Each structure stands twice: as structure tokens, then as C-alpha cells.
Amino acid sequence: MPTPDLTVKDDLLAETEGRLDRLRREFDEGNISGRRDDLRHIWGSGAVADAMGDFVNNWDHYRKKLNSGIQSVGEMVSSTRETFKATDENLQKSMAGKG
């Protein structure tokens, strides 16, 4: 039997898809804004509290961007899996017809 030109490990793609989804959900559920207000009193200085507020606002903005990127990569992995599965099924049908 000839060696395939391309080998795709579906279990690796499935694992990657799952990990990306868990990571996306973790970023999605991270509500740091509420904690900022709850913890404001422990920073002591108003300047420090304001700086932490700025940090939280920046983190929220970039977390959303990162989350969007993670979701996009997850969708690409899912699409890749579907495409390779369909291609594999079509090749199997094609080979069965020749037998």
C-alpha cells in the first residue's frame, strides 16, 4: 500500500478544537470589571486605584479582541476537520467504486 502524501490526525484537531473552545469560554467568563470596583478600597491611593481601573479597562478591551481571535482559529480548525472528513469519505467511495 502506498504511503499517503498527507496525513491528518483528526484526534489532534479535535483536541485542539476543544482546548480553544475552553480557552475562549474562560476568557469570555472573566469578569474583571466587577472585581475592580470590589477591590478599589485595598489599593490605598486614589492614583493607584485609578491606574488599576485603567488596566482593567484595557484588559477588557484586549481580552475581547483575543477572544475573537481564539474563536476564529477554532472555527478554522472545525472547518478543516469537516473538510478532511468529507474528502476522506469521498475518496473511500471513489476507491470502493473501483474495486
C-alpha atoms as a PDB file:
ATOM      1  CA  MET A   1       0.000   0.000   0.000  1.00  0.00           C
ATOM      2  CA  PRO A   2       1.456   3.409  -0.951  1.00  0.00           C
ATOM      3  CA  THR A   3       2.355   5.973   1.694  1.00  0.00           C
ATOM      4  CA  PRO A   4      -0.113   8.862   1.802  1.00  0.00           C
ATOM      5  CA  ASP A   5       1.100  12.280   0.695  1.00  0.00           C
ATOM      6  CA  LEU A   6      -0.844  13.889   3.505  1.00  0.00           C
ATOM      7  CA  THR A   7      -1.723  12.556   6.928  1.00  0.00           C
ATOM      8  CA  VAL A   8      -4.254  14.367   9.092  1.00  0.00           C
ATOM      9  CA  LYS A   9      -4.644  13.427  12.741  1.00  0.00           C
ATOM     10  CA  ASP A  10      -8.307  14.072  13.442  1.00  0.00           C
ATOM     11  CA  ASP A  11      -7.877  13.344  17.153  1.00  0.00           C
ATOM     12  CA  LEU A  12      -5.267  16.127  17.366  1.00  0.00           C
ATOM     13  CA  LEU A  13      -7.574  18.539  15.535  1.00  0.00           C
ATOM     14  CA  ALA A  14     -10.479  17.545  17.804  1.00  0.00           C
ATOM     15  CA  GLU A  15      -8.324  18.077  20.903  1.00  0.00           C
ATOM     16  CA  THR A  16      -7.190  21.466  19.594  1.00  0.00           C
ATOM     17  CA  GLU A  17     -10.777  22.451  18.842  1.00  0.00           C
ATOM     18  CA  GLY A  18     -11.826  21.528  22.389  1.00  0.00           C
ATOM     19  CA  ARG A  19      -8.939  23.374  24.017  1.00  0.00           C
ATOM     20  CA  LEU A  20      -9.607  26.514  22.001  1.00  0.00           C
ATOM     21  CA  ASP A  21     -13.276  26.387  22.974  1.00  0.00           C
ATOM     22  CA  ARG A  22     -12.424  26.016  26.674  1.00  0.00           C
ATOM     23  CA  LEU A  23      -9.920  28.858  26.447  1.00  0.00           C
ATOM     24  CA  ARG A  24     -12.465  31.072  24.675  1.00  0.00           C
ATOM     25  CA  ARG A  25     -15.098  30.361  27.337  1.00  0.00           C
ATOM     26  CA  GLU A  26     -12.598  31.096  30.112  1.00  0.00           C
ATOM     27  CA  PHE A  27     -11.762  34.470  28.587  1.00  0.00           C
ATOM     28  CA  ASP A  28     -15.448  35.108  27.960  1.00  0.00           C
ATOM     29  CA  GLU A  29     -16.395  34.432  31.575  1.00  0.00           C
ATOM     30  CA  GLY A  30     -13.562  36.504  33.067  1.00  0.00           C
ATOM     31  CA  ASN A  31     -15.390  39.415  34.671  1.00  0.00           C
ATOM     32  CA  ILE A  32     -12.531  41.545  35.951  1.00  0.00           C
ATOM     33  CA  SER A  33     -14.603  44.752  35.801  1.00  0.00           C
ATOM     34  CA  GLY A  34     -16.709  43.745  38.790  1.00  0.00           C
ATOM     35  CA  ARG A  35     -13.606  42.875  40.771  1.00  0.00           C
ATOM     36  CA  ARG A  36     -12.055  46.272  40.017  1.00  0.00           C
ATOM     37  CA  ASP A  37     -14.863  48.029  41.854  1.00  0.00           C
ATOM     38  CA  ASP A  38     -14.876  45.491  44.703  1.00  0.00           C
ATOM     39  CA  LEU A  39     -11.127  45.847  45.267  1.00  0.00           C
ATOM     40  CA  ARG A  40     -10.762  49.604  44.788  1.00  0.00           C
ATOM     41  CA  HIS A  41     -10.534  50.216  48.539  1.00  0.00           C
ATOM     42  CA  ILE A  42      -7.466  47.956  49.022  1.00  0.00           C
ATOM     43  CA  TRP A  43      -5.267  49.909  46.599  1.00  0.00           C
ATOM     44  CA  GLY A  44      -4.997  52.712  49.140  1.00  0.00           C
ATOM     45  CA  SER A  45      -4.025  55.598  46.919  1.00  0.00           C
ATOM     46  CA  GLY A  46      -6.537  57.099  44.525  1.00  0.00           C
ATOM     47  CA  ALA A  47      -3.812  57.242  41.864  1.00  0.00           C
ATOM     48  CA  VAL A  48      -3.120  53.515  42.229  1.00  0.00           C
ATOM     49  CA  ALA A  49      -6.837  52.733  42.149  1.00  0.00           C
ATOM     50  CA  ASP A  50      -7.223  54.851  39.000  1.00  0.00           C
ATOM     51  CA  ALA A  51      -4.254  53.084  37.381  1.00  0.00           C
ATOM     52  CA  MET A  52      -5.793  49.710  38.206  1.00  0.00           C
ATOM     53  CA  GLY A  53      -9.070  50.919  36.712  1.00  0.00           C
ATOM     54  CA  ASP A  54      -7.236  51.845  33.516  1.00  0.00           C
ATOM     55  CA  PHE A  55      -5.568  48.425  33.496  1.00  0.00           C
ATOM     56  CA  VAL A  56      -8.924  46.677  33.850  1.00  0.00           C
ATOM     57  CA  ASN A  57     -10.463  48.730  31.057  1.00  0.00           C
ATOM     58  CA  ASN A  58      -7.508  47.951  28.767  1.00  0.00           C
ATOM     59  CA  TRP A  59      -7.621  44.272  29.718  1.00  0.00           C
ATOM     60  CA  ASP A  60     -11.344  44.094  28.932  1.00  0.00           C
ATOM     61  CA  HIS A  61     -10.733  45.627  25.510  1.00  0.00           C
ATOM     62  CA  TYR A  62      -7.822  43.348  24.587  1.00  0.00           C
ATOM     63  CA  ARG A  63      -9.442  40.282  26.150  1.00  0.00           C
ATOM     64  CA  LYS A  64     -12.386  40.737  23.791  1.00  0.00           C
ATOM     65  CA  LYS A  65     -10.023  41.043  20.819  1.00  0.00           C
ATOM     66  CA  LEU A  66      -8.081  37.968  21.929  1.00  0.00           C
ATOM     67  CA  ASN A  67     -11.298  36.047  22.473  1.00  0.00           C
ATOM     68  CA  SER A  68     -12.439  36.917  18.964  1.00  0.00           C
ATOM     69  CA  GLY A  69      -9.145  35.642  17.551  1.00  0.00           C
ATOM     70  CA  ILE A  70      -9.401  32.402  19.530  1.00  0.00           C
ATOM     71  CA  GLN A  71     -12.930  31.896  18.221  1.00  0.00           C
ATOM     72  CA  SER A  72     -11.782  32.490  14.630  1.00  0.00           C
ATOM     73  CA  VAL A  73      -8.972  29.950  14.932  1.00  0.00           C
ATOM     74  CA  GLY A  74     -11.391  27.460  16.494  1.00  0.00           C
ATOM     75  CA  GLU A  75     -13.770  27.901  13.580  1.00  0.00           C
ATOM     76  CA  MET A  76     -10.895  27.321  11.131  1.00  0.00           C
ATOM     77  CA  VAL A  77      -9.914  24.115  12.941  1.00  0.00           C
ATOM     78  CA  SER A  78     -13.526  22.930  12.864  1.00  0.00           C
ATOM     79  CA  SER A  79     -13.828  23.723   9.168  1.00  0.00           C
ATOM     80  CA  THR A  80     -10.554  21.925   8.476  1.00  0.00           C
ATOM     81  CA  ARG A  81     -11.806  18.809  10.278  1.00  0.00           C
ATOM     82  CA  GLU A  82     -15.069  18.836   8.345  1.00  0.00           C
ATOM     83  CA  THR A  83     -13.291  19.313   5.012  1.00  0.00           C
ATOM     84  CA  PHE A  84     -10.829  16.485   5.616  1.00  0.00           C
ATOM     85  CA  LYS A  85     -13.595  14.142   6.803  1.00  0.00           C
ATOM     86  CA  ALA A  86     -15.665  14.864   3.694  1.00  0.00           C
ATOM     87  CA  THR A  87     -12.635  14.450   1.445  1.00  0.00           C
ATOM     88  CA  ASP A  88     -11.727  11.159   3.110  1.00  0.00           C
ATOM     89  CA  GLU A  89     -15.293   9.858   2.721  1.00  0.00           C
ATOM     90  CA  ASN A  90     -15.347  10.861  -0.953  1.00  0.00           C
ATOM     91  CA  LEU A  91     -12.007   9.125  -1.566  1.00  0.00           C
ATOM     92  CA  GLN A  92     -13.250   5.972   0.154  1.00  0.00           C
ATOM     93  CA  LYS A  93     -16.389   5.960  -2.009  1.00  0.00           C
ATOM     94  CA  SER A  94     -14.302   6.550  -5.092  1.00  0.00           C
ATOM     95  CA  MET A  95     -11.961   3.668  -4.222  1.00  0.00           C
ATOM     96  CA  ALA A  96     -14.873   1.366  -3.407  1.00  0.00           C
ATOM     97  CA  GLY A  97     -16.344   2.008  -6.838  1.00  0.00           C
ATOM     98  CA  LYS A  98     -13.090   0.937  -8.495  1.00  0.00           C
ATOM     99  CA  GLY A  99     -12.864  -2.325  -6.580  1.00  0.00           C
END
